[in-house]
Amino acid sequence: MLNHYFIRLAFMESWVKLLPSNKRELVFDKVESILNEKAGLLGEMTLSIPFVIINAIRCS
């Protein structure tokens, strides 16, 4: 999942900036391991992308 085009395009840069450079590889390896373990147990991994649409009318 972490190598998916959209994840790399939209999220990876900001995630990387959150971590000190000496911890990045360790953290991402651990995250990948946990995601793989859960996907193996569940048979899949689903990802939801929450969003909201607000329809508003300006009252004067």
N, C-alpha and C. Protein backbone atom coordinates (compact mmCIF):
# COMPACT_ATOMS: atom_id res chain seq x y z
N MET A 1 0.81 -1.18 0.00
CA MET A 1 0.00 0.00 0.00
C MET A 1 0.87 1.26 0.00
N LEU A 2 1.95 1.25 0.76
CA LEU A 2 2.77 2.45 0.86
C LEU A 2 3.47 2.78 -0.46
N ASN A 3 3.54 1.83 -1.37
CA ASN A 3 4.17 2.08 -2.67
C ASN A 3 3.15 2.40 -3.76
N HIS A 4 1.87 2.44 -3.40
CA HIS A 4 0.83 2.75 -4.39
C HIS A 4 1.04 4.18 -4.90
N TYR A 5 0.79 4.37 -6.20
CA TYR A 5 1.02 5.67 -6.84
C TYR A 5 0.31 6.80 -6.11
N PHE A 6 -0.95 6.63 -5.79
CA PHE A 6 -1.71 7.72 -5.17
C PHE A 6 -1.20 8.03 -3.76
N ILE A 7 -0.84 7.02 -2.99
CA ILE A 7 -0.29 7.25 -1.65
C ILE A 7 1.00 8.05 -1.77
N ARG A 8 1.85 7.67 -2.71
CA ARG A 8 3.12 8.38 -2.89
C ARG A 8 2.88 9.81 -3.39
N LEU A 9 1.90 9.99 -4.24
CA LEU A 9 1.60 11.30 -4.80
C LEU A 9 0.98 12.23 -3.76
N ALA A 10 0.01 11.74 -3.00
CA ALA A 10 -0.79 12.62 -2.16
C ALA A 10 -0.39 12.66 -0.69
N PHE A 11 0.23 11.59 -0.18
CA PHE A 11 0.43 11.51 1.27
C PHE A 11 1.88 11.34 1.72
N MET A 12 2.66 10.61 0.99
CA MET A 12 3.97 10.19 1.49
C MET A 12 4.86 11.35 1.89
N GLU A 13 4.90 12.41 1.11
CA GLU A 13 5.79 13.53 1.42
C GLU A 13 5.47 14.13 2.80
N SER A 14 4.19 14.33 3.08
CA SER A 14 3.84 14.90 4.38
C SER A 14 4.09 13.92 5.51
N TRP A 15 3.86 12.62 5.28
CA TRP A 15 4.13 11.61 6.32
C TRP A 15 5.62 11.57 6.64
N VAL A 16 6.45 11.62 5.61
CA VAL A 16 7.90 11.57 5.81
C VAL A 16 8.38 12.77 6.62
N LYS A 17 7.80 13.92 6.38
CA LYS A 17 8.20 15.13 7.10
C LYS A 17 7.87 15.07 8.59
N LEU A 18 6.95 14.21 8.98
CA LEU A 18 6.58 14.09 10.39
C LEU A 18 7.64 13.39 11.23
N LEU A 19 8.51 12.64 10.57
CA LEU A 19 9.47 11.79 11.29
C LEU A 19 10.89 12.31 11.18
N PRO A 20 11.67 12.12 12.23
CA PRO A 20 13.09 12.43 12.11
C PRO A 20 13.73 11.49 11.09
N SER A 21 14.69 11.97 10.35
CA SER A 21 15.27 11.17 9.26
C SER A 21 15.85 9.85 9.75
N ASN A 22 16.36 9.80 10.96
CA ASN A 22 16.96 8.56 11.45
C ASN A 22 15.91 7.53 11.90
N LYS A 23 14.63 7.89 11.93
CA LYS A 23 13.56 6.96 12.34
C LYS A 23 12.64 6.55 11.20
N ARG A 24 12.75 7.20 10.05
CA ARG A 24 11.81 6.98 8.96
C ARG A 24 11.74 5.52 8.51
N GLU A 25 12.88 4.94 8.21
CA GLU A 25 12.89 3.56 7.72
C GLU A 25 12.29 2.61 8.75
N LEU A 26 12.66 2.77 10.00
CA LEU A 26 12.15 1.92 11.07
C LEU A 26 10.63 2.04 11.18
N VAL A 27 10.13 3.26 11.18
CA VAL A 27 8.69 3.48 11.33
C VAL A 27 7.92 2.92 10.14
N PHE A 28 8.36 3.22 8.92
CA PHE A 28 7.63 2.74 7.75
C PHE A 28 7.72 1.22 7.61
N ASP A 29 8.84 0.63 7.99
CA ASP A 29 8.94 -0.84 7.99
C ASP A 29 7.94 -1.44 8.98
N LYS A 30 7.82 -0.84 10.15
CA LYS A 30 6.89 -1.33 11.17
C LYS A 30 5.45 -1.17 10.72
N VAL A 31 5.12 -0.03 10.17
CA VAL A 31 3.76 0.21 9.66
C VAL A 31 3.42 -0.81 8.58
N GLU A 32 4.33 -1.02 7.65
CA GLU A 32 4.10 -1.97 6.57
C GLU A 32 3.90 -3.38 7.13
N SER A 33 4.69 -3.75 8.11
CA SER A 33 4.58 -5.07 8.73
C SER A 33 3.21 -5.26 9.39
N ILE A 34 2.78 -4.24 10.12
CA ILE A 34 1.47 -4.33 10.80
C ILE A 34 0.34 -4.41 9.79
N LEU A 35 0.40 -3.59 8.73
CA LEU A 35 -0.64 -3.64 7.69
C LEU A 35 -0.67 -5.00 7.01
N ASN A 36 0.49 -5.56 6.70
CA ASN A 36 0.56 -6.88 6.07
C ASN A 36 0.00 -7.96 6.99
N GLU A 37 0.30 -7.88 8.27
CA GLU A 37 -0.20 -8.86 9.23
C GLU A 37 -1.72 -8.81 9.32
N LYS A 38 -2.27 -7.61 9.44
CA LYS A 38 -3.73 -7.47 9.52
C LYS A 38 -4.41 -7.93 8.23
N ALA A 39 -3.83 -7.59 7.09
CA ALA A 39 -4.40 -8.02 5.82
C ALA A 39 -4.36 -9.54 5.71
N GLY A 40 -3.29 -10.14 6.20
CA GLY A 40 -3.19 -11.60 6.17
C GLY A 40 -4.25 -12.25 7.04
N LEU A 41 -4.50 -11.69 8.21
CA LEU A 41 -5.50 -12.24 9.12
C LEU A 41 -6.92 -12.06 8.59
N LEU A 42 -7.19 -10.91 7.98
CA LEU A 42 -8.53 -10.60 7.50
C LEU A 42 -8.77 -11.04 6.06
N GLY A 43 -7.70 -11.37 5.36
CA GLY A 43 -7.83 -11.77 3.96
C GLY A 43 -7.85 -10.59 3.00
N GLU A 44 -7.85 -9.40 3.53
CA GLU A 44 -7.85 -8.20 2.70
C GLU A 44 -7.54 -6.99 3.58
N MET A 45 -7.29 -5.88 2.94
CA MET A 45 -7.16 -4.63 3.66
C MET A 45 -8.00 -3.61 2.93
N THR A 46 -8.93 -3.01 3.63
CA THR A 46 -9.76 -1.98 3.00
C THR A 46 -9.36 -0.63 3.54
N LEU A 47 -9.54 0.34 2.72
CA LEU A 47 -9.16 1.70 3.06
C LEU A 47 -10.34 2.60 2.73
N SER A 48 -10.75 3.41 3.66
CA SER A 48 -11.82 4.35 3.37
C SER A 48 -11.23 5.76 3.38
N ILE A 49 -11.83 6.60 2.58
CA ILE A 49 -11.38 7.98 2.50
C ILE A 49 -12.57 8.85 2.88
N PRO A 50 -12.56 9.35 4.12
CA PRO A 50 -13.70 10.16 4.57
C PRO A 50 -13.72 11.52 3.85
N PHE A 51 -14.91 12.00 3.62
CA PHE A 51 -15.05 13.31 3.02
C PHE A 51 -16.40 13.88 3.42
N VAL A 52 -16.56 15.14 3.22
CA VAL A 52 -17.83 15.79 3.52
C VAL A 52 -18.14 16.77 2.38
N ILE A 53 -19.42 16.87 2.09
CA ILE A 53 -19.88 17.85 1.12
C ILE A 53 -20.85 18.77 1.87
N ILE A 54 -20.58 20.05 1.79
CA ILE A 54 -21.44 21.02 2.47
C ILE A 54 -22.08 21.91 1.41
N ASN A 55 -23.38 21.88 1.36
CA ASN A 55 -24.12 22.69 0.43
C ASN A 55 -24.69 23.87 1.22
N ALA A 56 -24.30 25.06 0.89
CA ALA A 56 -24.71 26.22 1.68
C ALA A 56 -25.23 27.32 0.78
N ILE A 57 -26.12 28.09 1.37
CA ILE A 57 -26.67 29.26 0.68
C ILE A 57 -26.39 30.47 1.56
N ARG A 58 -25.82 31.50 0.97
CA ARG A 58 -25.52 32.73 1.72
C ARG A 58 -26.80 33.55 1.89
N CYS A 59 -27.08 33.86 3.13
CA CYS A 59 -28.25 34.70 3.44
C CYS A 59 -27.76 36.11 3.74
N SER A 60 -28.43 37.09 3.17
CA SER A 60 -27.98 38.45 3.44
C SER A 60 -28.93 39.20 4.35
